[in-house]
Amino acid sequence: MTEQTKKRIRKFVEDRDWSQFHSPANLAKSISIEANELLECFQWSDTDYNLQHVKEELADVLVYCQDMLDALNLNEDEIINMKMDMNEKKYPVDKAKGSNKKYTEL
């Protein structure tokens, strides 16, 4: 996400004085709710969906994720790379390539 987009999200929240409601627990709930609304786009078909609606719901998830990063003073690059390091160890290419098995089953 660009710095300009992050600033826009932060200004939106600040202008409405919504930080008071952005506890980590509330944001986690909101992320889950929006992720379920995204899932609803595919409820009856894996291939027949409204792309505009998908984009809107995905954007809601991403905005709440940015709000969570801000609330916890986290850097997305740091936490993503930390998790990727863990995933690369759990799912080595020689065992995981082409497989959908969980790391405990490889």
PDB file of N, CA and C in Angstrom:
ATOM      1  N   MET A   1       0.853  -1.165   0.000  1.00  0.00           N
ATOM      2  CA  MET A   1       0.000   0.000   0.000  1.00  0.00           C
ATOM      3  C   MET A   1       0.903   1.233   0.000  1.00  0.00           C
ATOM      4  N   THR A   2       0.575   2.197  -0.810  1.00  0.00           N
ATOM      5  CA  THR A   2       1.409   3.395  -0.884  1.00  0.00           C
ATOM      6  C   THR A   2       1.238   4.246   0.378  1.00  0.00           C
ATOM      7  N   GLU A   3       2.221   5.058   0.635  1.00  0.00           N
ATOM      8  CA  GLU A   3       2.151   5.957   1.780  1.00  0.00           C
ATOM      9  C   GLU A   3       0.981   6.932   1.636  1.00  0.00           C
ATOM     10  N   GLN A   4       0.704   7.355   0.421  1.00  0.00           N
ATOM     11  CA  GLN A   4      -0.415   8.268   0.163  1.00  0.00           C
ATOM     12  C   GLN A   4      -1.747   7.613   0.553  1.00  0.00           C
ATOM     13  N   THR A   5      -1.904   6.343   0.224  1.00  0.00           N
ATOM     14  CA  THR A   5      -3.136   5.622   0.578  1.00  0.00           C
ATOM     15  C   THR A   5      -3.240   5.450   2.084  1.00  0.00           C
ATOM     16  N   LYS A   6      -2.136   5.127   2.723  1.00  0.00           N
ATOM     17  CA  LYS A   6      -2.146   4.999   4.189  1.00  0.00           C
ATOM     18  C   LYS A   6      -2.558   6.316   4.834  1.00  0.00           C
ATOM     19  N   LYS A   7      -2.012   7.410   4.346  1.00  0.00           N
ATOM     20  CA  LYS A   7      -2.356   8.726   4.898  1.00  0.00           C
ATOM     21  C   LYS A   7      -3.835   9.030   4.691  1.00  0.00           C
ATOM     22  N   ARG A   8      -4.363   8.643   3.554  1.00  0.00           N
ATOM     23  CA  ARG A   8      -5.789   8.871   3.279  1.00  0.00           C
ATOM     24  C   ARG A   8      -6.658   8.096   4.266  1.00  0.00           C
ATOM     25  N   ILE A   9      -6.296   6.839   4.530  1.00  0.00           N
ATOM     26  CA  ILE A   9      -7.038   6.019   5.499  1.00  0.00           C
ATOM     27  C   ILE A   9      -6.960   6.656   6.882  1.00  0.00           C
ATOM     28  N   ARG A  10      -5.758   7.057   7.282  1.00  0.00           N
ATOM     29  CA  ARG A  10      -5.570   7.668   8.603  1.00  0.00           C
ATOM     30  C   ARG A  10      -6.371   8.965   8.738  1.00  0.00           C
ATOM     31  N   LYS A  11      -6.392   9.774   7.693  1.00  0.00           N
ATOM     32  CA  LYS A  11      -7.145  11.028   7.724  1.00  0.00           C
ATOM     33  C   LYS A  11      -8.642  10.748   7.825  1.00  0.00           C
ATOM     34  N   PHE A  12      -9.114   9.755   7.107  1.00  0.00           N
ATOM     35  CA  PHE A  12     -10.522   9.366   7.159  1.00  0.00           C
ATOM     36  C   PHE A  12     -10.916   9.038   8.602  1.00  0.00           C
ATOM     37  N   VAL A  13     -10.096   8.234   9.260  1.00  0.00           N
ATOM     38  CA  VAL A  13     -10.370   7.835  10.646  1.00  0.00           C
ATOM     39  C   VAL A  13     -10.268   9.049  11.572  1.00  0.00           C
ATOM     40  N   GLU A  14      -9.220   9.835  11.398  1.00  0.00           N
ATOM     41  CA  GLU A  14      -9.008  11.007  12.254  1.00  0.00           C
ATOM     42  C   GLU A  14     -10.127  12.030  12.112  1.00  0.00           C
ATOM     43  N   ASP A  15     -10.531  12.313  10.884  1.00  0.00           N
ATOM     44  CA  ASP A  15     -11.589  13.302  10.647  1.00  0.00           C
ATOM     45  C   ASP A  15     -12.900  12.914  11.326  1.00  0.00           C
ATOM     46  N   ARG A  16     -13.122  11.640  11.531  1.00  0.00           N
ATOM     47  CA  ARG A  16     -14.371  11.149  12.124  1.00  0.00           C
ATOM     48  C   ARG A  16     -14.212  10.786  13.602  1.00  0.00           C
ATOM     49  N   ASP A  17     -12.992  10.977  14.128  1.00  0.00           N
ATOM     50  CA  ASP A  17     -12.682  10.654  15.521  1.00  0.00           C
ATOM     51  C   ASP A  17     -13.038   9.203  15.853  1.00  0.00           C
ATOM     52  N   TRP A  18     -12.638   8.304  14.959  1.00  0.00           N
ATOM     53  CA  TRP A  18     -12.957   6.893  15.145  1.00  0.00           C
ATOM     54  C   TRP A  18     -11.851   6.099  15.823  1.00  0.00           C
ATOM     55  N   SER A  19     -10.695   6.695  16.055  1.00  0.00           N
ATOM     56  CA  SER A  19      -9.607   5.961  16.716  1.00  0.00           C
ATOM     57  C   SER A  19     -10.043   5.425  18.074  1.00  0.00           C
ATOM     58  N   GLN A  20     -10.947   6.142  18.718  1.00  0.00           N
ATOM     59  CA  GLN A  20     -11.427   5.715  20.038  1.00  0.00           C
ATOM     60  C   GLN A  20     -12.115   4.339  19.978  1.00  0.00           C
ATOM     61  N   PHE A  21     -12.577   3.961  18.803  1.00  0.00           N
ATOM     62  CA  PHE A  21     -13.251   2.668  18.643  1.00  0.00           C
ATOM     63  C   PHE A  21     -12.329   1.587  18.087  1.00  0.00           C
ATOM     64  N   HIS A  22     -11.107   1.970  17.739  1.00  0.00           N
ATOM     65  CA  HIS A  22     -10.190   1.063  17.046  1.00  0.00           C
ATOM     66  C   HIS A  22      -9.273   0.311  17.993  1.00  0.00           C
ATOM     67  N   SER A  23      -9.866  -0.372  18.942  1.00  0.00           N
ATOM     68  CA  SER A  23      -9.066  -1.266  19.782  1.00  0.00           C
ATOM     69  C   SER A  23      -8.675  -2.469  18.924  1.00  0.00           C
ATOM     70  N   PRO A  24      -7.589  -3.128  19.257  1.00  0.00           N
ATOM     71  CA  PRO A  24      -7.219  -4.325  18.489  1.00  0.00           C
ATOM     72  C   PRO A  24      -8.361  -5.348  18.407  1.00  0.00           C
ATOM     73  N   ALA A  25      -9.086  -5.533  19.494  1.00  0.00           N
ATOM     74  CA  ALA A  25     -10.193  -6.505  19.486  1.00  0.00           C
ATOM     75  C   ALA A  25     -11.292  -6.072  18.517  1.00  0.00           C
ATOM     76  N   ASN A  26     -11.668  -4.792  18.552  1.00  0.00           N
ATOM     77  CA  ASN A  26     -12.706  -4.309  17.638  1.00  0.00           C
ATOM     78  C   ASN A  26     -12.255  -4.415  16.189  1.00  0.00           C
ATOM     79  N   LEU A  27     -11.001  -4.100  15.930  1.00  0.00           N
ATOM     80  CA  LEU A  27     -10.497  -4.185  14.561  1.00  0.00           C
ATOM     81  C   LEU A  27     -10.414  -5.624  14.088  1.00  0.00           C
ATOM     82  N   ALA A  28     -10.010  -6.534  14.966  1.00  0.00           N
ATOM     83  CA  ALA A  28      -9.977  -7.954  14.587  1.00  0.00           C
ATOM     84  C   ALA A  28     -11.382  -8.438  14.229  1.00  0.00           C
ATOM     85  N   LYS A  29     -12.366  -8.018  14.996  1.00  0.00           N
ATOM     86  CA  LYS A  29     -13.755  -8.377  14.689  1.00  0.00           C
ATOM     87  C   LYS A  29     -14.166  -7.811  13.333  1.00  0.00           C
ATOM     88  N   SER A  30     -13.807  -6.552  13.099  1.00  0.00           N
ATOM     89  CA  SER A  30     -14.175  -5.909  11.837  1.00  0.00           C
ATOM     90  C   SER A  30     -13.505  -6.579  10.644  1.00  0.00           C
ATOM     91  N   ILE A  31     -12.240  -6.968  10.798  1.00  0.00           N
ATOM     92  CA  ILE A  31     -11.536  -7.690   9.725  1.00  0.00           C
ATOM     93  C   ILE A  31     -12.262  -8.991   9.418  1.00  0.00           C
ATOM     94  N   SER A  32     -12.628  -9.711  10.465  1.00  0.00           N
ATOM     95  CA  SER A  32     -13.325 -10.983  10.276  1.00  0.00           C
ATOM     96  C   SER A  32     -14.684 -10.781   9.607  1.00  0.00           C
ATOM     97  N   ILE A  33     -15.414  -9.782  10.035  1.00  0.00           N
ATOM     98  CA  ILE A  33     -16.729  -9.509   9.451  1.00  0.00           C
ATOM     99  C   ILE A  33     -16.591  -9.181   7.966  1.00  0.00           C
ATOM    100  N   GLU A  34     -15.645  -8.305   7.645  1.00  0.00           N
ATOM    101  CA  GLU A  34     -15.453  -7.921   6.239  1.00  0.00           C
ATOM    102  C   GLU A  34     -14.934  -9.094   5.408  1.00  0.00           C
ATOM    103  N   ALA A  35     -14.080  -9.930   5.992  1.00  0.00           N
ATOM    104  CA  ALA A  35     -13.589 -11.110   5.275  1.00  0.00           C
ATOM    105  C   ALA A  35     -14.743 -12.062   4.967  1.00  0.00           C
ATOM    106  N   ASN A  36     -15.691 -12.150   5.877  1.00  0.00           N
ATOM    107  CA  ASN A  36     -16.867 -12.985   5.622  1.00  0.00           C
ATOM    108  C   ASN A  36     -17.767 -12.373   4.556  1.00  0.00           C
ATOM    109  N   GLU A  37     -17.835 -11.053   4.501  1.00  0.00           N
ATOM    110  CA  GLU A  37     -18.590 -10.415   3.421  1.00  0.00           C
ATOM    111  C   GLU A  37     -17.901 -10.658   2.071  1.00  0.00           C
ATOM    112  N   LEU A  38     -16.583 -10.693   2.074  1.00  0.00           N
ATOM    113  CA  LEU A  38     -15.839 -11.048   0.862  1.00  0.00           C
ATOM    114  C   LEU A  38     -16.158 -12.487   0.459  1.00  0.00           C
ATOM    115  N   LEU A  39     -16.162 -13.373   1.411  1.00  0.00           N
ATOM    116  CA  LEU A  39     -16.489 -14.775   1.147  1.00  0.00           C
ATOM    117  C   LEU A  39     -17.900 -14.930   0.593  1.00  0.00           C
ATOM    118  N   GLU A  40     -18.805 -14.088   1.065  1.00  0.00           N
ATOM    119  CA  GLU A  40     -20.188 -14.143   0.599  1.00  0.00           C
ATOM    120  C   GLU A  40     -20.287 -13.899  -0.909  1.00  0.00           C
ATOM    121  N   CYS A  41     -19.327 -13.156  -1.458  1.00  0.00           N
ATOM    122  CA  CYS A  41     -19.322 -12.911  -2.910  1.00  0.00           C
ATOM    123  C   CYS A  41     -19.221 -14.210  -3.701  1.00  0.00           C
ATOM    124  N   PHE A  42     -18.691 -15.241  -3.086  1.00  0.00           N
ATOM    125  CA  PHE A  42     -18.469 -16.528  -3.756  1.00  0.00           C
ATOM    126  C   PHE A  42     -19.376 -17.627  -3.177  1.00  0.00           C
ATOM    127  N   GLN A  43     -20.408 -17.232  -2.457  1.00  0.00           N
ATOM    128  CA  GLN A  43     -21.246 -18.192  -1.735  1.00  0.00           C
ATOM    129  C   GLN A  43     -21.843 -19.264  -2.629  1.00  0.00           C
ATOM    130  N   TRP A  44     -22.320 -18.916  -3.802  1.00  0.00           N
ATOM    131  CA  TRP A  44     -23.025 -19.898  -4.618  1.00  0.00           C
ATOM    132  C   TRP A  44     -22.271 -20.305  -5.871  1.00  0.00           C
ATOM    133  N   SER A  45     -21.129 -19.674  -6.113  1.00  0.00           N
ATOM    134  CA  SER A  45     -20.369 -20.031  -7.307  1.00  0.00           C
ATOM    135  C   SER A  45     -18.921 -19.589  -7.164  1.00  0.00           C
ATOM    136  N   ASP A  46     -18.023 -20.451  -7.596  1.00  0.00           N
ATOM    137  CA  ASP A  46     -16.595 -20.109  -7.595  1.00  0.00           C
ATOM    138  C   ASP A  46     -16.226 -19.251  -8.804  1.00  0.00           C
ATOM    139  N   THR A  47     -17.062 -19.243  -9.807  1.00  0.00           N
ATOM    140  CA  THR A  47     -16.713 -18.556 -11.052  1.00  0.00           C
ATOM    141  C   THR A  47     -17.652 -17.411 -11.419  1.00  0.00           C
ATOM    142  N   ASP A  48     -18.862 -17.418 -10.912  1.00  0.00           N
ATOM    143  CA  ASP A  48     -19.845 -16.388 -11.261  1.00  0.00           C
ATOM    144  C   ASP A  48     -19.969 -15.423 -10.086  1.00  0.00           C
ATOM    145  N   TYR A  49     -19.199 -14.340 -10.120  1.00  0.00           N
ATOM    146  CA  TYR A  49     -19.213 -13.369  -9.035  1.00  0.00           C
ATOM    147  C   TYR A  49     -19.117 -11.963  -9.618  1.00  0.00           C
ATOM    148  N   ASN A  50     -19.490 -11.001  -8.800  1.00  0.00           N
ATOM    149  CA  ASN A  50     -19.467  -9.595  -9.186  1.00  0.00           C
ATOM    150  C   ASN A  50     -18.110  -9.021  -8.779  1.00  0.00           C
ATOM    151  N   LEU A  51     -17.247  -8.761  -9.746  1.00  0.00           N
ATOM    152  CA  LEU A  51     -15.886  -8.302  -9.461  1.00  0.00           C
ATOM    153  C   LEU A  51     -15.891  -6.978  -8.698  1.00  0.00           C
ATOM    154  N   GLN A  52     -16.796  -6.080  -9.032  1.00  0.00           N
ATOM    155  CA  GLN A  52     -16.862  -4.803  -8.315  1.00  0.00           C
ATOM    156  C   GLN A  52     -17.151  -5.031  -6.840  1.00  0.00           C
ATOM    157  N   HIS A  53     -18.072  -5.924  -6.545  1.00  0.00           N
ATOM    158  CA  HIS A  53     -18.400  -6.229  -5.149  1.00  0.00           C
ATOM    159  C   HIS A  53     -17.200  -6.873  -4.452  1.00  0.00           C
ATOM    160  N   VAL A  54     -16.508  -7.758  -5.121  1.00  0.00           N
ATOM    161  CA  VAL A  54     -15.306  -8.381  -4.564  1.00  0.00           C
ATOM    162  C   VAL A  54     -14.277  -7.300  -4.220  1.00  0.00           C
ATOM    163  N   LYS A  55     -14.056  -6.366  -5.144  1.00  0.00           N
ATOM    164  CA  LYS A  55     -13.088  -5.290  -4.909  1.00  0.00           C
ATOM    165  C   LYS A  55     -13.476  -4.448  -3.699  1.00  0.00           C
ATOM    166  N   GLU A  56     -14.753  -4.149  -3.564  1.00  0.00           N
ATOM    167  CA  GLU A  56     -15.221  -3.342  -2.434  1.00  0.00           C
ATOM    168  C   GLU A  56     -14.996  -4.053  -1.108  1.00  0.00           C
ATOM    169  N   GLU A  57     -15.333  -5.325  -1.056  1.00  0.00           N
ATOM    170  CA  GLU A  57     -15.169  -6.078   0.194  1.00  0.00           C
ATOM    171  C   GLU A  57     -13.691  -6.309   0.518  1.00  0.00           C
ATOM    172  N   LEU A  58     -12.888  -6.591  -0.494  1.00  0.00           N
ATOM    173  CA  LEU A  58     -11.457  -6.759  -0.287  1.00  0.00           C
ATOM    174  C   LEU A  58     -10.837  -5.454   0.212  1.00  0.00           C
ATOM    175  N   ALA A  59     -11.276  -4.334  -0.341  1.00  0.00           N
ATOM    176  CA  ALA A  59     -10.792  -3.035   0.123  1.00  0.00           C
ATOM    177  C   ALA A  59     -11.145  -2.814   1.591  1.00  0.00           C
ATOM    178  N   ASP A  60     -12.353  -3.196   1.991  1.00  0.00           N
ATOM    179  CA  ASP A  60     -12.738  -3.062   3.402  1.00  0.00           C
ATOM    180  C   ASP A  60     -11.789  -3.861   4.300  1.00  0.00           C
ATOM    181  N   VAL A  61     -11.463  -5.080   3.891  1.00  0.00           N
ATOM    182  CA  VAL A  61     -10.536  -5.906   4.668  1.00  0.00           C
ATOM    183  C   VAL A  61      -9.180  -5.209   4.782  1.00  0.00           C
ATOM    184  N   LEU A  62      -8.677  -4.714   3.661  1.00  0.00           N
ATOM    185  CA  LEU A  62      -7.363  -4.076   3.650  1.00  0.00           C
ATOM    186  C   LEU A  62      -7.340  -2.797   4.485  1.00  0.00           C
ATOM    187  N   VAL A  63      -8.407  -2.025   4.423  1.00  0.00           N
ATOM    188  CA  VAL A  63      -8.470  -0.794   5.224  1.00  0.00           C
ATOM    189  C   VAL A  63      -8.445  -1.133   6.710  1.00  0.00           C
ATOM    190  N   TYR A  64      -9.237  -2.114   7.123  1.00  0.00           N
ATOM    191  CA  TYR A  64      -9.231  -2.497   8.537  1.00  0.00           C
ATOM    192  C   TYR A  64      -7.877  -3.088   8.938  1.00  0.00           C
ATOM    193  N   CYS A  65      -7.220  -3.783   8.038  1.00  0.00           N
ATOM    194  CA  CYS A  65      -5.869  -4.289   8.344  1.00  0.00           C
ATOM    195  C   CYS A  65      -4.898  -3.130   8.566  1.00  0.00           C
ATOM    196  N   GLN A  66      -5.007  -2.094   7.742  1.00  0.00           N
ATOM    197  CA  GLN A  66      -4.153  -0.917   7.953  1.00  0.00           C
ATOM    198  C   GLN A  66      -4.484  -0.248   9.291  1.00  0.00           C
ATOM    199  N   ASP A  67      -5.750  -0.175   9.618  1.00  0.00           N
ATOM    200  CA  ASP A  67      -6.139   0.384  10.916  1.00  0.00           C
ATOM    201  C   ASP A  67      -5.538  -0.431  12.067  1.00  0.00           C
ATOM    202  N   MET A  68      -5.514  -1.756  11.914  1.00  0.00           N
ATOM    203  CA  MET A  68      -4.927  -2.624  12.942  1.00  0.00           C
ATOM    204  C   MET A  68      -3.421  -2.391  13.044  1.00  0.00           C
ATOM    205  N   LEU A  69      -2.751  -2.280  11.910  1.00  0.00           N
ATOM    206  CA  LEU A  69      -1.317  -1.972  11.921  1.00  0.00           C
ATOM    207  C   LEU A  69      -1.058  -0.678  12.680  1.00  0.00           C
ATOM    208  N   ASP A  70      -1.868   0.333  12.410  1.00  0.00           N
ATOM    209  CA  ASP A  70      -1.706   1.618  13.084  1.00  0.00           C
ATOM    210  C   ASP A  70      -1.987   1.503  14.580  1.00  0.00           C
ATOM    211  N   ALA A  71      -3.047   0.800  14.937  1.00  0.00           N
ATOM    212  CA  ALA A  71      -3.418   0.666  16.353  1.00  0.00           C
ATOM    213  C   ALA A  71      -2.321  -0.022  17.161  1.00  0.00           C
ATOM    214  N   LEU A  72      -1.627  -0.964  16.521  1.00  0.00           N
ATOM    215  CA  LEU A  72      -0.581  -1.727  17.216  1.00  0.00           C
ATOM    216  C   LEU A  72       0.822  -1.210  16.902  1.00  0.00           C
ATOM    217  N   ASN A  73       0.886  -0.128  16.114  1.00  0.00           N
ATOM    218  CA  ASN A  73       2.169   0.458  15.726  1.00  0.00           C
ATOM    219  C   ASN A  73       3.092  -0.589  15.096  1.00  0.00           C
ATOM    220  N   LEU A  74       2.543  -1.304  14.102  1.00  0.00           N
ATOM    221  CA  LEU A  74       3.287  -2.353  13.406  1.00  0.00           C
ATOM    222  C   LEU A  74       3.599  -1.927  11.983  1.00  0.00           C
ATOM    223  N   ASN A  75       4.655  -2.508  11.443  1.00  0.00           N
ATOM    224  CA  ASN A  75       5.055  -2.260  10.066  1.00  0.00           C
ATOM    225  C   ASN A  75       4.711  -3.490   9.244  1.00  0.00           C
ATOM    226  N   GLU A  76       3.906  -3.297   8.194  1.00  0.00           N
ATOM    227  CA  GLU A  76       3.442  -4.447   7.406  1.00  0.00           C
ATOM    228  C   GLU A  76       4.583  -5.221   6.764  1.00  0.00           C
ATOM    229  N   ASP A  77       5.612  -4.542   6.274  1.00  0.00           N
ATOM    230  CA  ASP A  77       6.735  -5.249   5.661  1.00  0.00           C
ATOM    231  C   ASP A  77       7.442  -6.139   6.676  1.00  0.00           C
ATOM    232  N   GLU A  78       7.652  -5.625   7.872  1.00  0.00           N
ATOM    233  CA  GLU A  78       8.325  -6.414   8.913  1.00  0.00           C
ATOM    234  C   GLU A  78       7.531  -7.652   9.284  1.00  0.00           C
ATOM    235  N   ILE A  79       6.232  -7.493   9.518  1.00  0.00           N
ATOM    236  CA  ILE A  79       5.470  -8.656   9.974  1.00  0.00           C
ATOM    237  C   ILE A  79       5.228  -9.653   8.838  1.00  0.00           C
ATOM    238  N   ILE A  80       5.075  -9.152   7.614  1.00  0.00           N
ATOM    239  CA  ILE A  80       4.904 -10.070   6.480  1.00  0.00           C
ATOM    240  C   ILE A  80       6.186 -10.861   6.255  1.00  0.00           C
ATOM    241  N   ASN A  81       7.326 -10.198   6.283  1.00  0.00           N
ATOM    242  CA  ASN A  81       8.591 -10.913   6.083  1.00  0.00           C
ATOM    243  C   ASN A  81       8.891 -11.881   7.221  1.00  0.00           C
ATOM    244  N   MET A  82       8.525 -11.524   8.450  1.00  0.00           N
ATOM    245  CA  MET A  82       8.676 -12.446   9.580  1.00  0.00           C
ATOM    246  C   MET A  82       7.872 -13.714   9.318  1.00  0.00           C
ATOM    247  N   LYS A  83       6.617 -13.530   8.883  1.00  0.00           N
ATOM    248  CA  LYS A  83       5.745 -14.686   8.627  1.00  0.00           C
ATOM    249  C   LYS A  83       6.214 -15.481   7.414  1.00  0.00           C
ATOM    250  N   MET A  84       6.706 -14.808   6.383  1.00  0.00           N
ATOM    251  CA  MET A  84       7.229 -15.518   5.212  1.00  0.00           C
ATOM    252  C   MET A  84       8.440 -16.357   5.590  1.00  0.00           C
ATOM    253  N   ASP A  85       9.309 -15.843   6.457  1.00  0.00           N
ATOM    254  CA  ASP A  85      10.442 -16.637   6.948  1.00  0.00           C
ATOM    255  C   ASP A  85       9.948 -17.917   7.621  1.00  0.00           C
ATOM    256  N   MET A  86       8.929 -17.779   8.433  1.00  0.00           N
ATOM    257  CA  MET A  86       8.367 -18.943   9.120  1.00  0.00           C
ATOM    258  C   MET A  86       7.748 -19.917   8.110  1.00  0.00           C
ATOM    259  N   ASN A  87       6.989 -19.386   7.149  1.00  0.00           N
ATOM    260  CA  ASN A  87       6.336 -20.233   6.153  1.00  0.00           C
ATOM    261  C   ASN A  87       7.348 -20.973   5.281  1.00  0.00           C
ATOM    262  N   GLU A  88       8.433 -20.303   4.919  1.00  0.00           N
ATOM    263  CA  GLU A  88       9.456 -20.947   4.089  1.00  0.00           C
ATOM    264  C   GLU A  88      10.097 -22.125   4.816  1.00  0.00           C
ATOM    265  N   LYS A  89      10.203 -22.026   6.132  1.00  0.00           N
ATOM    266  CA  LYS A  89      10.743 -23.149   6.912  1.00  0.00           C
ATOM    267  C   LYS A  89       9.722 -24.273   7.039  1.00  0.00           C
ATOM    268  N   LYS A  90       8.457 -23.903   7.229  1.00  0.00           N
ATOM    269  CA  LYS A  90       7.401 -24.909   7.391  1.00  0.00           C
ATOM    270  C   LYS A  90       7.058 -25.603   6.080  1.00  0.00           C
ATOM    271  N   TYR A  91       7.232 -24.887   4.979  1.00  0.00           N
ATOM    272  CA  TYR A  91       6.861 -25.416   3.666  1.00  0.00           C
ATOM    273  C   TYR A  91       8.053 -25.366   2.710  1.00  0.00           C
ATOM    274  N   PRO A  92       9.062 -26.209   2.932  1.00  0.00           N
ATOM    275  CA  PRO A  92      10.211 -26.213   2.014  1.00  0.00           C
ATOM    276  C   PRO A  92       9.767 -26.628   0.611  1.00  0.00           C
ATOM    277  N   VAL A  93      10.353 -25.998  -0.388  1.00  0.00           N
ATOM    278  CA  VAL A  93       9.961 -26.228  -1.778  1.00  0.00           C
ATOM    279  C   VAL A  93      10.010 -27.707  -2.131  1.00  0.00           C
ATOM    280  N   ASP A  94      11.061 -28.408  -1.712  1.00  0.00           N
ATOM    281  CA  ASP A  94      11.215 -29.814  -2.104  1.00  0.00           C
ATOM    282  C   ASP A  94      10.107 -30.705  -1.555  1.00  0.00           C
ATOM    283  N   LYS A  95       9.429 -30.279  -0.492  1.00  0.00           N
ATOM    284  CA  LYS A  95       8.335 -31.075   0.076  1.00  0.00           C
ATOM    285  C   LYS A  95       6.951 -30.522  -0.269  1.00  0.00           C
ATOM    286  N   ALA A  96       6.857 -29.221  -0.429  1.00  0.00           N
ATOM    287  CA  ALA A  96       5.547 -28.595  -0.554  1.00  0.00           C
ATOM    288  C   ALA A  96       5.133 -28.279  -1.989  1.00  0.00           C
ATOM    289  N   LYS A  97       6.057 -28.290  -2.919  1.00  0.00           N
ATOM    290  CA  LYS A  97       5.732 -27.887  -4.286  1.00  0.00           C
ATOM    291  C   LYS A  97       4.622 -28.767  -4.868  1.00  0.00           C
ATOM    292  N   GLY A  98       3.559 -28.112  -5.312  1.00  0.00           N
ATOM    293  CA  GLY A  98       2.440 -28.807  -5.924  1.00  0.00           C
ATOM    294  C   GLY A  98       1.528 -29.526  -4.951  1.00  0.00           C
ATOM    295  N   SER A  99       1.755 -29.347  -3.656  1.00  0.00           N
ATOM    296  CA  SER A  99       0.965 -30.046  -2.636  1.00  0.00           C
ATOM    297  C   SER A  99       0.126 -29.036  -1.864  1.00  0.00           C
ATOM    298  N   ASN A 100      -1.075 -29.430  -1.494  1.00  0.00           N
ATOM    299  CA  ASN A 100      -1.911 -28.584  -0.648  1.00  0.00           C
ATOM    300  C   ASN A 100      -1.973 -29.094   0.786  1.00  0.00           C
ATOM    301  N   LYS A 101      -1.052 -29.989   1.131  1.00  0.00           N
ATOM    302  CA  LYS A 101      -1.031 -30.548   2.492  1.00  0.00           C
ATOM    303  C   LYS A 101      -0.515 -29.525   3.487  1.00  0.00           C
ATOM    304  N   LYS A 102      -1.026 -29.630   4.704  1.00  0.00           N
ATOM    305  CA  LYS A 102      -0.545 -28.803   5.789  1.00  0.00           C
ATOM    306  C   LYS A 102       0.878 -29.228   6.135  1.00  0.00           C
ATOM    307  N   TYR A 103       1.664 -28.301   6.652  1.00  0.00           N
ATOM    308  CA  TYR A 103       3.068 -28.573   6.950  1.00  0.00           C
ATOM    309  C   TYR A 103       3.264 -29.782   7.848  1.00  0.00           C
ATOM    310  N   THR A 104       2.310 -30.077   8.708  1.00  0.00           N
ATOM    311  CA  THR A 104       2.429 -31.236   9.607  1.00  0.00           C
ATOM    312  C   THR A 104       2.257 -32.561   8.857  1.00  0.00           C
ATOM    313  N   GLU A 105       1.764 -32.479   7.611  1.00  0.00           N
ATOM    314  CA  GLU A 105       1.522 -33.685   6.822  1.00  0.00           C
ATOM    315  C   GLU A 105       2.571 -33.890   5.736  1.00  0.00           C
ATOM    316  N   LEU A 106       3.513 -32.961   5.591  1.00  0.00           N
ATOM    317  CA  LEU A 106       4.520 -33.072   4.524  1.00  0.00           C
ATOM    318  C   LEU A 106       5.572 -34.110   4.879  1.00  0.00           C
TER     319      LEU A 106
END
